N, C-alpha and C. Protein backbone atom coordinates (compact mmCIF):
# COMPACT_ATOMS: atom_id res chain seq x y z
N UNK A 1 -20.31 27.93 9.27
CA UNK A 1 -21.28 26.84 9.19
C UNK A 1 -20.69 25.58 9.82
N UNK A 2 -21.46 24.95 10.66
CA UNK A 2 -21.02 23.74 11.32
C UNK A 2 -21.00 22.55 10.35
N UNK A 3 -19.94 21.73 10.46
CA UNK A 3 -19.93 20.46 9.75
C UNK A 3 -20.59 19.47 10.70
N UNK A 4 -21.92 19.35 10.60
CA UNK A 4 -22.70 18.67 11.62
C UNK A 4 -22.45 17.17 11.72
N UNK A 5 -21.86 16.58 10.68
CA UNK A 5 -21.61 15.14 10.76
C UNK A 5 -20.12 14.82 10.62
N UNK A 6 -19.27 15.77 11.01
CA UNK A 6 -17.83 15.54 11.04
C UNK A 6 -17.37 15.41 12.49
N UNK A 7 -16.54 14.39 12.73
CA UNK A 7 -16.02 14.14 14.07
C UNK A 7 -14.50 14.19 14.02
N UNK A 8 -13.89 15.01 14.86
CA UNK A 8 -12.44 15.11 14.89
C UNK A 8 -11.91 14.50 16.19
N UNK A 9 -10.82 13.77 16.06
CA UNK A 9 -10.16 13.18 17.23
C UNK A 9 -8.67 13.48 17.12
N UNK A 10 -8.18 14.31 18.01
CA UNK A 10 -6.77 14.67 18.02
C UNK A 10 -6.09 14.10 19.25
N UNK A 11 -4.77 14.15 19.24
CA UNK A 11 -4.01 13.68 20.39
C UNK A 11 -2.59 13.33 20.00
N UNK A 12 -1.72 13.15 20.98
CA UNK A 12 -0.32 12.81 20.69
C UNK A 12 -0.18 11.39 20.15
N UNK A 13 1.02 11.06 19.74
CA UNK A 13 1.32 9.73 19.21
C UNK A 13 0.96 8.66 20.24
N UNK A 14 0.30 7.60 19.78
CA UNK A 14 -0.03 6.43 20.60
C UNK A 14 -1.01 6.75 21.73
N UNK A 15 -1.81 7.79 21.56
CA UNK A 15 -2.84 8.09 22.56
C UNK A 15 -4.09 7.25 22.34
N UNK A 16 -4.12 6.52 21.22
CA UNK A 16 -5.23 5.64 20.93
C UNK A 16 -6.21 6.19 19.93
N UNK A 17 -5.92 7.35 19.37
CA UNK A 17 -6.91 8.02 18.52
C UNK A 17 -7.23 7.26 17.24
N UNK A 18 -6.25 6.58 16.66
CA UNK A 18 -6.52 5.85 15.43
C UNK A 18 -7.40 4.63 15.68
N UNK A 19 -7.04 3.84 16.67
CA UNK A 19 -7.84 2.65 17.00
C UNK A 19 -9.25 3.03 17.41
N UNK A 20 -9.34 4.05 18.26
CA UNK A 20 -10.65 4.52 18.73
C UNK A 20 -11.45 5.11 17.57
N UNK A 21 -10.80 5.96 16.79
CA UNK A 21 -11.49 6.61 15.68
C UNK A 21 -12.04 5.63 14.67
N UNK A 22 -11.26 4.60 14.40
CA UNK A 22 -11.70 3.56 13.45
C UNK A 22 -12.97 2.88 13.95
N UNK A 23 -13.00 2.56 15.23
CA UNK A 23 -14.18 1.89 15.77
C UNK A 23 -15.39 2.81 15.84
N UNK A 24 -15.17 4.08 16.17
CA UNK A 24 -16.27 5.04 16.17
C UNK A 24 -16.87 5.15 14.77
N UNK A 25 -15.99 5.23 13.77
CA UNK A 25 -16.46 5.34 12.38
C UNK A 25 -17.26 4.10 11.98
N UNK A 26 -16.78 2.93 12.36
CA UNK A 26 -17.47 1.68 12.01
C UNK A 26 -18.86 1.63 12.64
N UNK A 27 -18.97 2.05 13.90
CA UNK A 27 -20.26 2.01 14.59
C UNK A 27 -21.26 3.00 14.01
N UNK A 28 -20.75 4.11 13.49
CA UNK A 28 -21.63 5.13 12.92
C UNK A 28 -21.84 4.96 11.42
N UNK A 29 -21.05 4.09 10.80
CA UNK A 29 -21.13 3.93 9.35
C UNK A 29 -20.50 5.10 8.62
N UNK A 30 -19.49 5.71 9.24
CA UNK A 30 -18.80 6.87 8.68
C UNK A 30 -17.50 6.46 8.00
N UNK A 31 -16.99 7.34 7.15
CA UNK A 31 -15.66 7.18 6.58
C UNK A 31 -14.65 7.47 7.69
N UNK A 32 -13.47 6.86 7.60
CA UNK A 32 -12.41 7.09 8.57
C UNK A 32 -11.15 7.55 7.86
N UNK A 33 -10.49 8.55 8.43
CA UNK A 33 -9.22 9.01 7.86
C UNK A 33 -8.25 9.37 8.97
N UNK A 34 -7.12 8.67 8.97
CA UNK A 34 -6.00 9.03 9.84
C UNK A 34 -5.09 9.92 9.00
N UNK A 35 -5.11 11.21 9.28
CA UNK A 35 -4.38 12.17 8.45
C UNK A 35 -2.87 11.99 8.53
N UNK A 36 -2.40 11.31 9.59
CA UNK A 36 -0.97 11.09 9.72
C UNK A 36 -0.38 10.32 8.55
N UNK A 37 -1.18 9.45 7.93
CA UNK A 37 -0.64 8.67 6.82
C UNK A 37 -0.35 9.56 5.61
N UNK A 38 -1.01 10.70 5.53
CA UNK A 38 -0.74 11.60 4.42
C UNK A 38 0.64 12.25 4.58
N UNK A 39 1.00 12.59 5.82
CA UNK A 39 2.34 13.13 6.06
C UNK A 39 3.40 12.06 5.84
N UNK A 40 3.07 10.83 6.18
CA UNK A 40 4.01 9.74 5.92
C UNK A 40 4.17 9.53 4.41
N UNK A 41 3.08 9.69 3.67
CA UNK A 41 3.14 9.51 2.22
C UNK A 41 4.05 10.56 1.58
N UNK A 42 3.93 11.80 2.04
CA UNK A 42 4.81 12.86 1.54
C UNK A 42 6.26 12.55 1.90
N UNK A 43 6.49 12.16 3.14
CA UNK A 43 7.85 11.85 3.60
C UNK A 43 8.48 10.75 2.77
N UNK A 44 7.71 9.70 2.51
CA UNK A 44 8.21 8.60 1.69
C UNK A 44 8.56 9.08 0.29
N UNK A 45 7.69 9.90 -0.30
CA UNK A 45 7.94 10.41 -1.65
C UNK A 45 9.22 11.25 -1.69
N UNK A 46 9.45 12.02 -0.64
CA UNK A 46 10.66 12.85 -0.55
C UNK A 46 11.90 11.96 -0.46
N UNK A 47 11.83 10.95 0.39
CA UNK A 47 12.97 10.04 0.57
C UNK A 47 13.28 9.30 -0.73
N UNK A 48 12.24 8.78 -1.37
CA UNK A 48 12.46 8.00 -2.59
C UNK A 48 12.93 8.88 -3.75
N UNK A 49 12.63 10.18 -3.67
CA UNK A 49 13.11 11.11 -4.70
C UNK A 49 14.50 11.64 -4.38
N UNK A 50 15.05 11.17 -3.25
CA UNK A 50 16.39 11.56 -2.79
C UNK A 50 16.51 13.08 -2.61
N UNK A 51 15.43 13.67 -2.12
CA UNK A 51 15.42 15.09 -1.79
C UNK A 51 15.97 15.27 -0.38
N UNK A 52 16.78 16.27 -0.18
CA UNK A 52 17.32 16.57 1.14
C UNK A 52 16.17 16.93 2.07
N UNK A 53 16.00 16.19 3.14
CA UNK A 53 14.89 16.42 4.07
C UNK A 53 14.93 17.80 4.70
N UNK A 54 16.11 18.41 4.74
CA UNK A 54 16.25 19.74 5.34
C UNK A 54 16.07 20.86 4.31
N UNK A 55 15.83 20.50 3.06
CA UNK A 55 15.57 21.48 2.02
C UNK A 55 14.06 21.75 2.00
N UNK A 56 13.63 22.70 2.81
CA UNK A 56 12.20 22.95 3.00
C UNK A 56 11.49 23.27 1.69
N UNK A 57 12.12 24.04 0.83
CA UNK A 57 11.49 24.42 -0.43
C UNK A 57 11.26 23.21 -1.33
N UNK A 58 12.27 22.36 -1.44
CA UNK A 58 12.16 21.17 -2.30
C UNK A 58 11.14 20.18 -1.72
N UNK A 59 11.18 19.98 -0.42
CA UNK A 59 10.23 19.06 0.23
C UNK A 59 8.80 19.57 0.04
N UNK A 60 8.62 20.87 0.23
CA UNK A 60 7.29 21.46 0.08
C UNK A 60 6.79 21.35 -1.35
N UNK A 61 7.69 21.56 -2.29
CA UNK A 61 7.31 21.43 -3.70
C UNK A 61 6.84 20.03 -4.02
N UNK A 62 7.49 19.04 -3.44
CA UNK A 62 7.09 17.65 -3.65
C UNK A 62 5.70 17.41 -3.09
N UNK A 63 5.44 17.94 -1.90
CA UNK A 63 4.13 17.77 -1.27
C UNK A 63 3.02 18.38 -2.12
N UNK A 64 3.33 19.48 -2.78
CA UNK A 64 2.33 20.16 -3.59
C UNK A 64 2.10 19.47 -4.93
N UNK A 65 3.07 18.71 -5.38
CA UNK A 65 3.00 18.09 -6.71
C UNK A 65 2.36 16.70 -6.71
N UNK A 66 2.60 15.93 -5.67
CA UNK A 66 2.18 14.52 -5.71
C UNK A 66 0.67 14.37 -5.52
N UNK A 67 0.16 13.27 -6.03
CA UNK A 67 -1.24 12.93 -5.86
C UNK A 67 -1.34 11.80 -4.86
N UNK A 68 -2.06 12.05 -3.77
CA UNK A 68 -2.24 11.05 -2.72
C UNK A 68 -3.68 10.55 -2.78
N UNK A 69 -3.83 9.24 -2.87
CA UNK A 69 -5.16 8.63 -2.86
C UNK A 69 -5.26 7.67 -1.68
N UNK A 70 -6.34 7.78 -0.93
CA UNK A 70 -6.56 6.93 0.24
C UNK A 70 -7.81 6.10 -0.01
N UNK A 71 -7.64 4.79 -0.02
CA UNK A 71 -8.71 3.88 -0.37
C UNK A 71 -9.01 2.93 0.80
N UNK A 72 -10.19 2.31 0.82
CA UNK A 72 -10.47 1.28 1.82
C UNK A 72 -9.46 0.15 1.70
N UNK A 73 -9.09 -0.50 2.81
CA UNK A 73 -8.07 -1.54 2.75
C UNK A 73 -8.51 -2.74 1.91
N UNK A 74 -7.62 -3.17 1.03
CA UNK A 74 -7.91 -4.32 0.18
C UNK A 74 -7.56 -5.63 0.88
N UNK A 75 -6.73 -5.53 1.92
CA UNK A 75 -6.32 -6.72 2.66
C UNK A 75 -6.67 -6.55 4.13
N UNK A 76 -7.09 -7.62 4.76
CA UNK A 76 -7.44 -7.60 6.18
C UNK A 76 -6.22 -8.00 7.01
N UNK A 77 -5.21 -7.12 7.00
CA UNK A 77 -3.97 -7.41 7.72
C UNK A 77 -3.66 -6.35 8.78
N UNK A 78 -4.69 -5.62 9.19
CA UNK A 78 -4.51 -4.62 10.23
C UNK A 78 -4.37 -3.20 9.71
N UNK A 79 -4.14 -3.05 8.41
CA UNK A 79 -4.00 -1.69 7.85
C UNK A 79 -5.33 -0.95 7.90
N UNK A 80 -5.27 0.36 8.03
CA UNK A 80 -6.47 1.18 8.09
C UNK A 80 -6.97 1.55 6.69
N UNK A 81 -6.02 1.75 5.79
CA UNK A 81 -6.35 2.15 4.42
C UNK A 81 -5.29 1.61 3.47
N UNK A 82 -5.58 1.67 2.19
CA UNK A 82 -4.55 1.51 1.16
C UNK A 82 -4.19 2.92 0.71
N UNK A 83 -2.91 3.19 0.58
CA UNK A 83 -2.45 4.53 0.22
C UNK A 83 -1.65 4.47 -1.08
N UNK A 84 -2.03 5.31 -2.02
CA UNK A 84 -1.35 5.38 -3.31
C UNK A 84 -0.76 6.77 -3.50
N UNK A 85 0.48 6.81 -3.97
CA UNK A 85 1.14 8.07 -4.31
C UNK A 85 1.46 8.03 -5.79
N UNK A 86 0.85 8.95 -6.53
CA UNK A 86 1.02 9.01 -7.98
C UNK A 86 0.76 7.64 -8.62
N UNK A 87 -0.29 6.99 -8.13
CA UNK A 87 -0.73 5.73 -8.71
C UNK A 87 -0.04 4.49 -8.18
N UNK A 88 0.98 4.64 -7.34
CA UNK A 88 1.72 3.50 -6.81
C UNK A 88 1.28 3.18 -5.38
N UNK A 89 1.04 1.91 -5.10
CA UNK A 89 0.64 1.47 -3.76
C UNK A 89 1.86 1.54 -2.84
N UNK A 90 1.80 2.43 -1.84
CA UNK A 90 2.94 2.61 -0.93
C UNK A 90 2.58 2.22 0.51
N UNK A 91 1.44 1.56 0.68
CA UNK A 91 0.89 1.30 2.01
C UNK A 91 1.91 0.70 2.97
N UNK A 92 2.56 -0.37 2.58
CA UNK A 92 3.46 -1.06 3.50
C UNK A 92 4.74 -0.27 3.77
N UNK A 93 5.11 0.59 2.87
CA UNK A 93 6.35 1.36 3.04
C UNK A 93 6.20 2.49 4.06
N UNK A 94 4.96 2.90 4.34
CA UNK A 94 4.74 4.05 5.20
C UNK A 94 5.18 3.84 6.64
N UNK A 95 5.39 2.59 7.03
CA UNK A 95 5.74 2.28 8.42
C UNK A 95 7.20 1.88 8.58
N UNK A 96 7.98 2.09 7.53
CA UNK A 96 9.40 1.79 7.63
C UNK A 96 10.10 2.83 8.52
N UNK A 97 11.20 2.42 9.13
CA UNK A 97 11.88 3.27 10.11
C UNK A 97 12.33 4.60 9.55
N UNK A 98 12.79 4.61 8.29
CA UNK A 98 13.29 5.87 7.72
C UNK A 98 12.16 6.89 7.57
N UNK A 99 10.94 6.41 7.30
CA UNK A 99 9.79 7.31 7.21
C UNK A 99 9.41 7.79 8.61
N UNK A 100 9.36 6.86 9.55
CA UNK A 100 9.02 7.21 10.94
C UNK A 100 9.96 8.27 11.50
N UNK A 101 11.25 8.14 11.20
CA UNK A 101 12.24 9.06 11.76
C UNK A 101 12.21 10.44 11.11
N UNK A 102 11.68 10.53 9.90
CA UNK A 102 11.73 11.80 9.17
C UNK A 102 10.42 12.57 9.14
N UNK A 103 9.31 11.90 9.45
CA UNK A 103 8.00 12.53 9.27
C UNK A 103 7.80 13.73 10.19
N UNK A 104 8.40 13.73 11.37
CA UNK A 104 8.25 14.87 12.28
C UNK A 104 8.81 16.14 11.67
N UNK A 105 9.97 16.03 11.03
CA UNK A 105 10.57 17.20 10.40
C UNK A 105 9.73 17.68 9.23
N UNK A 106 9.35 16.76 8.36
CA UNK A 106 8.55 17.12 7.18
C UNK A 106 7.25 17.80 7.58
N UNK A 107 6.64 17.35 8.66
CA UNK A 107 5.35 17.90 9.08
C UNK A 107 5.45 19.29 9.69
N UNK A 108 6.67 19.78 9.92
CA UNK A 108 6.81 21.15 10.46
C UNK A 108 6.80 22.21 9.35
N UNK A 109 6.95 21.80 8.10
CA UNK A 109 7.07 22.76 7.01
C UNK A 109 5.71 23.35 6.65
N UNK A 110 5.67 24.66 6.58
CA UNK A 110 4.41 25.40 6.39
C UNK A 110 3.68 24.98 5.12
N UNK A 111 4.38 24.95 4.00
CA UNK A 111 3.72 24.64 2.73
C UNK A 111 3.27 23.18 2.67
N UNK A 112 3.99 22.31 3.33
CA UNK A 112 3.57 20.90 3.40
C UNK A 112 2.24 20.82 4.13
N UNK A 113 2.14 21.48 5.27
CA UNK A 113 0.91 21.46 6.07
C UNK A 113 -0.23 22.13 5.30
N UNK A 114 0.07 23.21 4.60
CA UNK A 114 -0.97 23.89 3.83
C UNK A 114 -1.51 22.99 2.72
N UNK A 115 -0.60 22.29 2.04
CA UNK A 115 -1.02 21.42 0.94
C UNK A 115 -1.88 20.27 1.45
N UNK A 116 -1.47 19.66 2.55
CA UNK A 116 -2.22 18.53 3.07
C UNK A 116 -3.50 18.97 3.78
N UNK A 117 -3.46 20.13 4.41
CA UNK A 117 -4.68 20.64 5.05
C UNK A 117 -5.77 20.84 4.01
N UNK A 118 -5.41 21.35 2.86
CA UNK A 118 -6.39 21.56 1.79
C UNK A 118 -6.97 20.24 1.33
N UNK A 119 -6.11 19.23 1.16
CA UNK A 119 -6.59 17.91 0.75
C UNK A 119 -7.53 17.33 1.81
N UNK A 120 -7.17 17.50 3.07
CA UNK A 120 -7.97 16.97 4.17
C UNK A 120 -9.32 17.68 4.26
N UNK A 121 -9.34 18.97 4.04
CA UNK A 121 -10.60 19.71 4.08
C UNK A 121 -11.54 19.27 2.96
N UNK A 122 -10.97 18.98 1.80
CA UNK A 122 -11.78 18.50 0.69
C UNK A 122 -12.46 17.18 1.05
N UNK A 123 -11.71 16.31 1.71
CA UNK A 123 -12.27 15.03 2.13
C UNK A 123 -13.32 15.25 3.22
N UNK A 124 -13.01 16.10 4.19
CA UNK A 124 -13.92 16.37 5.29
C UNK A 124 -15.22 17.01 4.87
N UNK A 125 -15.16 17.81 3.82
CA UNK A 125 -16.35 18.52 3.36
C UNK A 125 -17.42 17.59 2.81
N UNK A 126 -17.03 16.35 2.52
CA UNK A 126 -17.99 15.38 2.00
C UNK A 126 -18.90 14.85 3.11
N UNK A 127 -18.52 15.09 4.36
CA UNK A 127 -19.36 14.73 5.50
C UNK A 127 -19.26 13.27 5.91
N UNK A 128 -19.94 12.97 7.03
CA UNK A 128 -19.97 11.62 7.60
C UNK A 128 -18.58 11.02 7.65
N UNK A 129 -17.71 11.69 8.41
CA UNK A 129 -16.33 11.26 8.51
C UNK A 129 -15.82 11.40 9.93
N UNK A 130 -14.96 10.47 10.33
CA UNK A 130 -14.19 10.58 11.56
C UNK A 130 -12.75 10.81 11.12
N UNK A 131 -12.21 11.96 11.45
CA UNK A 131 -10.87 12.32 11.01
C UNK A 131 -9.97 12.48 12.23
N UNK A 132 -8.84 11.79 12.24
CA UNK A 132 -7.94 11.87 13.38
C UNK A 132 -6.59 12.43 12.98
N UNK A 133 -5.94 13.10 13.94
CA UNK A 133 -4.64 13.69 13.68
C UNK A 133 -4.16 14.48 14.87
N UNK A 134 -3.50 15.61 14.60
CA UNK A 134 -2.98 16.44 15.67
C UNK A 134 -3.48 17.88 15.60
N UNK A 135 -4.06 18.24 14.47
CA UNK A 135 -4.58 19.61 14.34
C UNK A 135 -5.92 19.64 13.62
N UNK A 136 -6.66 18.56 13.70
CA UNK A 136 -7.91 18.47 12.94
C UNK A 136 -8.98 19.40 13.52
N UNK A 137 -9.16 19.37 14.82
CA UNK A 137 -10.17 20.22 15.45
C UNK A 137 -9.80 21.68 15.50
N UNK A 138 -8.50 21.98 15.43
CA UNK A 138 -8.05 23.37 15.53
C UNK A 138 -7.82 24.03 14.18
N UNK A 139 -7.34 23.27 13.20
CA UNK A 139 -6.94 23.86 11.92
C UNK A 139 -7.71 23.29 10.72
N UNK A 140 -7.73 21.97 10.60
CA UNK A 140 -8.29 21.35 9.40
C UNK A 140 -9.81 21.51 9.34
N UNK A 141 -10.50 21.09 10.41
CA UNK A 141 -11.96 21.19 10.45
C UNK A 141 -12.39 21.93 11.72
N UNK A 142 -12.06 23.22 11.82
CA UNK A 142 -12.38 23.97 13.05
C UNK A 142 -13.88 24.12 13.29
N UNK A 143 -14.69 23.90 12.27
CA UNK A 143 -16.14 24.03 12.41
C UNK A 143 -16.85 22.70 12.59
N UNK A 144 -16.09 21.64 12.82
CA UNK A 144 -16.71 20.34 13.08
C UNK A 144 -17.56 20.41 14.34
N UNK A 145 -18.69 19.74 14.33
CA UNK A 145 -19.61 19.80 15.46
C UNK A 145 -19.12 19.00 16.65
N UNK A 146 -18.34 17.94 16.39
CA UNK A 146 -17.92 17.04 17.47
C UNK A 146 -16.40 16.94 17.47
N UNK A 147 -15.80 17.36 18.57
CA UNK A 147 -14.35 17.36 18.67
C UNK A 147 -13.91 16.66 19.95
N UNK A 148 -12.87 15.83 19.82
CA UNK A 148 -12.35 15.11 20.96
C UNK A 148 -10.82 15.19 20.95
N UNK A 149 -10.24 15.16 22.14
CA UNK A 149 -8.78 15.20 22.27
C UNK A 149 -8.39 14.13 23.28
N UNK A 150 -7.66 13.11 22.82
CA UNK A 150 -7.27 12.01 23.68
C UNK A 150 -5.89 12.23 24.27
N UNK A 151 -5.75 11.95 25.55
CA UNK A 151 -4.45 12.10 26.19
C UNK A 151 -4.13 10.81 26.96
N UNK A 152 -2.83 10.58 27.17
CA UNK A 152 -2.36 9.45 27.96
C UNK A 152 -0.92 9.76 28.36
N UNK A 153 -0.49 9.19 29.46
CA UNK A 153 0.88 9.41 29.91
C UNK A 153 1.85 8.84 28.88
N UNK A 154 3.05 9.40 28.84
CA UNK A 154 4.03 8.92 27.88
C UNK A 154 4.43 7.48 28.20
N UNK A 155 4.39 7.10 29.47
CA UNK A 155 4.71 5.72 29.85
C UNK A 155 3.68 4.75 29.27
N UNK A 156 2.42 5.12 29.38
CA UNK A 156 1.35 4.28 28.86
C UNK A 156 1.41 4.20 27.34
N UNK A 157 1.69 5.32 26.71
CA UNK A 157 1.77 5.33 25.25
C UNK A 157 2.94 4.51 24.75
N UNK A 158 4.07 4.58 25.47
CA UNK A 158 5.23 3.78 25.09
C UNK A 158 4.93 2.30 25.23
N UNK A 159 4.23 1.93 26.29
CA UNK A 159 3.86 0.53 26.50
C UNK A 159 2.98 0.02 25.36
N UNK A 160 2.02 0.85 24.96
CA UNK A 160 1.12 0.46 23.87
C UNK A 160 1.89 0.26 22.58
N UNK A 161 2.76 1.20 22.26
CA UNK A 161 3.53 1.10 21.02
C UNK A 161 4.47 -0.11 21.07
N UNK A 162 5.06 -0.36 22.23
CA UNK A 162 5.94 -1.52 22.43
C UNK A 162 5.19 -2.82 22.14
N UNK A 163 4.00 -2.95 22.69
CA UNK A 163 3.20 -4.15 22.49
C UNK A 163 2.76 -4.28 21.03
N UNK A 164 2.45 -3.16 20.42
CA UNK A 164 2.03 -3.15 19.02
C UNK A 164 3.14 -3.67 18.11
N UNK A 165 4.37 -3.20 18.37
CA UNK A 165 5.50 -3.63 17.55
C UNK A 165 5.81 -5.10 17.78
N UNK A 166 5.78 -5.51 19.04
CA UNK A 166 6.06 -6.91 19.37
C UNK A 166 5.03 -7.85 18.74
N UNK A 167 3.78 -7.44 18.76
CA UNK A 167 2.72 -8.29 18.21
C UNK A 167 2.87 -8.49 16.71
N UNK A 168 3.59 -7.57 16.06
CA UNK A 168 3.82 -7.70 14.62
C UNK A 168 5.03 -8.57 14.31
N UNK A 169 5.66 -9.09 15.39
CA UNK A 169 6.79 -9.99 15.21
C UNK A 169 8.14 -9.30 15.11
N UNK A 170 8.17 -7.99 15.40
CA UNK A 170 9.42 -7.24 15.32
C UNK A 170 9.98 -7.00 16.72
N UNK A 171 11.27 -6.75 16.79
CA UNK A 171 11.92 -6.45 18.07
C UNK A 171 11.69 -4.99 18.44
N UNK A 172 11.59 -4.74 19.75
CA UNK A 172 11.35 -3.37 20.20
C UNK A 172 12.03 -3.14 21.53
N UNK A 173 12.44 -1.90 21.77
CA UNK A 173 13.06 -1.51 23.03
C UNK A 173 12.17 -0.46 23.69
N UNK A 174 11.63 -0.79 24.86
CA UNK A 174 10.66 0.09 25.51
C UNK A 174 11.24 1.46 25.83
N UNK A 175 12.45 1.50 26.36
CA UNK A 175 13.08 2.78 26.72
C UNK A 175 13.30 3.64 25.48
N UNK A 176 13.72 3.01 24.40
CA UNK A 176 13.95 3.73 23.15
C UNK A 176 12.65 4.30 22.60
N UNK A 177 11.59 3.52 22.70
CA UNK A 177 10.29 3.98 22.22
C UNK A 177 9.81 5.17 23.03
N UNK A 178 9.96 5.09 24.36
CA UNK A 178 9.51 6.20 25.21
C UNK A 178 10.30 7.48 24.91
N UNK A 179 11.59 7.34 24.69
CA UNK A 179 12.42 8.51 24.37
C UNK A 179 11.95 9.13 23.04
N UNK A 180 11.67 8.28 22.06
CA UNK A 180 11.23 8.77 20.76
C UNK A 180 9.89 9.50 20.87
N UNK A 181 9.00 8.99 21.70
CA UNK A 181 7.70 9.64 21.91
C UNK A 181 7.88 10.99 22.59
N UNK A 182 8.76 11.05 23.55
CA UNK A 182 9.01 12.32 24.25
C UNK A 182 9.55 13.37 23.28
N UNK A 183 10.45 12.94 22.38
CA UNK A 183 11.00 13.87 21.40
C UNK A 183 9.92 14.31 20.41
N UNK A 184 9.07 13.36 20.00
CA UNK A 184 7.99 13.71 19.07
C UNK A 184 7.01 14.68 19.73
N UNK A 185 6.72 14.47 20.99
CA UNK A 185 5.81 15.37 21.72
C UNK A 185 6.37 16.80 21.73
N UNK A 186 7.67 16.93 21.95
CA UNK A 186 8.30 18.25 21.99
C UNK A 186 8.15 18.95 20.64
N UNK A 187 8.39 18.19 19.57
CA UNK A 187 8.29 18.77 18.22
C UNK A 187 6.86 19.18 17.92
N UNK A 188 5.92 18.27 18.19
CA UNK A 188 4.51 18.54 17.86
C UNK A 188 3.93 19.69 18.68
N UNK A 189 4.33 19.80 19.94
CA UNK A 189 3.75 20.80 20.83
C UNK A 189 4.39 22.17 20.68
N UNK A 190 5.63 22.20 20.20
CA UNK A 190 6.36 23.48 20.15
C UNK A 190 6.44 24.09 18.77
N UNK A 191 6.01 23.38 17.73
CA UNK A 191 6.11 23.95 16.39
C UNK A 191 5.21 25.19 16.29
N UNK A 192 5.67 26.16 15.51
CA UNK A 192 4.95 27.43 15.38
C UNK A 192 3.65 27.25 14.62
N UNK A 193 3.67 26.38 13.62
CA UNK A 193 2.50 26.19 12.77
C UNK A 193 1.70 24.98 13.24
N UNK A 194 0.43 25.21 13.56
CA UNK A 194 -0.50 24.14 13.97
C UNK A 194 0.09 23.23 15.05
N UNK A 195 0.46 23.79 16.19
CA UNK A 195 0.99 22.94 17.27
C UNK A 195 -0.06 21.99 17.81
N UNK A 196 0.40 20.92 18.44
CA UNK A 196 -0.51 19.96 19.06
C UNK A 196 -1.14 20.58 20.29
N UNK A 197 -2.42 20.88 20.20
CA UNK A 197 -3.15 21.48 21.31
C UNK A 197 -4.62 21.16 21.13
N UNK A 198 -5.32 21.00 22.24
CA UNK A 198 -6.75 20.69 22.15
C UNK A 198 -7.52 21.93 21.74
N UNK A 199 -8.51 21.76 20.87
CA UNK A 199 -9.41 22.86 20.52
C UNK A 199 -10.18 23.27 21.77
N UNK A 200 -10.51 24.55 21.87
CA UNK A 200 -11.20 25.04 23.06
C UNK A 200 -12.53 24.34 23.29
N UNK A 201 -13.18 23.91 22.21
CA UNK A 201 -14.48 23.26 22.35
C UNK A 201 -14.40 21.74 22.23
N UNK A 202 -13.18 21.19 22.40
CA UNK A 202 -13.02 19.74 22.33
C UNK A 202 -13.23 19.11 23.71
N UNK A 203 -13.79 17.92 23.71
CA UNK A 203 -13.91 17.14 24.95
C UNK A 203 -12.61 16.37 25.14
N UNK A 204 -11.94 16.58 26.26
CA UNK A 204 -10.68 15.91 26.54
C UNK A 204 -10.95 14.60 27.26
N UNK A 205 -10.38 13.52 26.75
CA UNK A 205 -10.59 12.19 27.32
C UNK A 205 -9.24 11.59 27.71
N UNK A 206 -9.09 11.28 28.98
CA UNK A 206 -7.89 10.60 29.48
C UNK A 206 -8.05 9.10 29.21
N UNK A 207 -7.10 8.51 28.50
CA UNK A 207 -7.25 7.10 28.10
C UNK A 207 -6.42 6.13 28.92
N UNK A 208 -5.61 6.62 29.86
CA UNK A 208 -4.88 5.71 30.74
C UNK A 208 -5.88 4.83 31.49
N UNK A 209 -5.56 3.56 31.60
CA UNK A 209 -6.39 2.61 32.38
C UNK A 209 -7.81 2.46 31.82
N UNK A 210 -7.99 2.76 30.55
CA UNK A 210 -9.28 2.56 29.90
C UNK A 210 -9.09 1.65 28.69
N UNK A 211 -10.07 0.81 28.44
CA UNK A 211 -10.02 -0.02 27.25
C UNK A 211 -10.46 0.81 26.04
N UNK A 212 -10.16 0.31 24.86
CA UNK A 212 -10.60 0.98 23.64
C UNK A 212 -12.12 1.09 23.64
N UNK A 213 -12.78 0.02 24.05
CA UNK A 213 -14.24 0.00 24.05
C UNK A 213 -14.82 1.07 24.98
N UNK A 214 -14.17 1.30 26.11
CA UNK A 214 -14.64 2.32 27.05
C UNK A 214 -14.51 3.72 26.45
N UNK A 215 -13.41 3.97 25.77
CA UNK A 215 -13.21 5.30 25.17
C UNK A 215 -14.20 5.51 24.02
N UNK A 216 -14.40 4.46 23.22
CA UNK A 216 -15.37 4.55 22.12
C UNK A 216 -16.75 4.85 22.67
N UNK A 217 -17.13 4.15 23.73
CA UNK A 217 -18.45 4.37 24.34
C UNK A 217 -18.58 5.78 24.88
N UNK A 218 -17.50 6.31 25.44
CA UNK A 218 -17.52 7.68 25.98
C UNK A 218 -17.73 8.70 24.86
N UNK A 219 -17.09 8.47 23.72
CA UNK A 219 -17.24 9.38 22.59
C UNK A 219 -18.66 9.31 22.02
N UNK A 220 -19.16 8.10 21.83
CA UNK A 220 -20.51 7.94 21.28
C UNK A 220 -21.57 8.53 22.21
N UNK A 221 -21.36 8.39 23.51
CA UNK A 221 -22.28 8.97 24.49
C UNK A 221 -22.27 10.48 24.41
N UNK A 222 -21.06 11.07 24.27
CA UNK A 222 -20.95 12.52 24.19
C UNK A 222 -21.64 13.05 22.92
N UNK A 223 -21.53 12.30 21.83
CA UNK A 223 -22.17 12.70 20.57
C UNK A 223 -23.69 12.66 20.73
N UNK A 224 -24.18 11.62 21.34
CA UNK A 224 -25.64 11.48 21.54
C UNK A 224 -26.18 12.59 22.45
N UNK A 225 -25.42 12.92 23.48
CA UNK A 225 -25.85 13.96 24.41
C UNK A 225 -25.90 15.33 23.74
N UNK A 226 -24.94 15.56 22.85
CA UNK A 226 -24.87 16.88 22.19
C UNK A 226 -25.94 17.03 21.12
């Protein structure tokens, strides 16, 4: 059965899927969910519990035990959502460097992905949602009626991330960011479970040299045409 009002947007890190997805959801009056924050929430919980990140069984057990709640943002400071883990607001902690550096490893674990996929499907089944991530159209919501896959060169993605970090008042190194993106791409594309790949029925959109508004318009046009 088709999820006729579910929209999936997948793509590599910094391809623009979160910014684009948020605007698409706003224009349609849909709920928005960036599934990546759920993996960050698990990673943070593992780190704060002082669990060895390489202990797959312990990390997976933590993912299965914790309660993750995603709420509309209470503050207008650029955040997409407020995120609570076992009742505690962890929103600002999700973007700390230790979480960023560890989330790729945590997201490769089979039971972690299974636990979060189930949570994501429950949210998606409620309908009228734009869900973004790396395996939404292929694994999480394979029956979604509208699927998109955003791509951009690693140079362009590094530039975007560099500007994003600088605009927040933090220091950033462009070469270091590009190297980190290249490493993340390798992990996401080569993992055995739910690798980063476009769904066969997804519309692929190249975002280099396009504004956010242009990509949003392209997605909305494709939805109207279908």
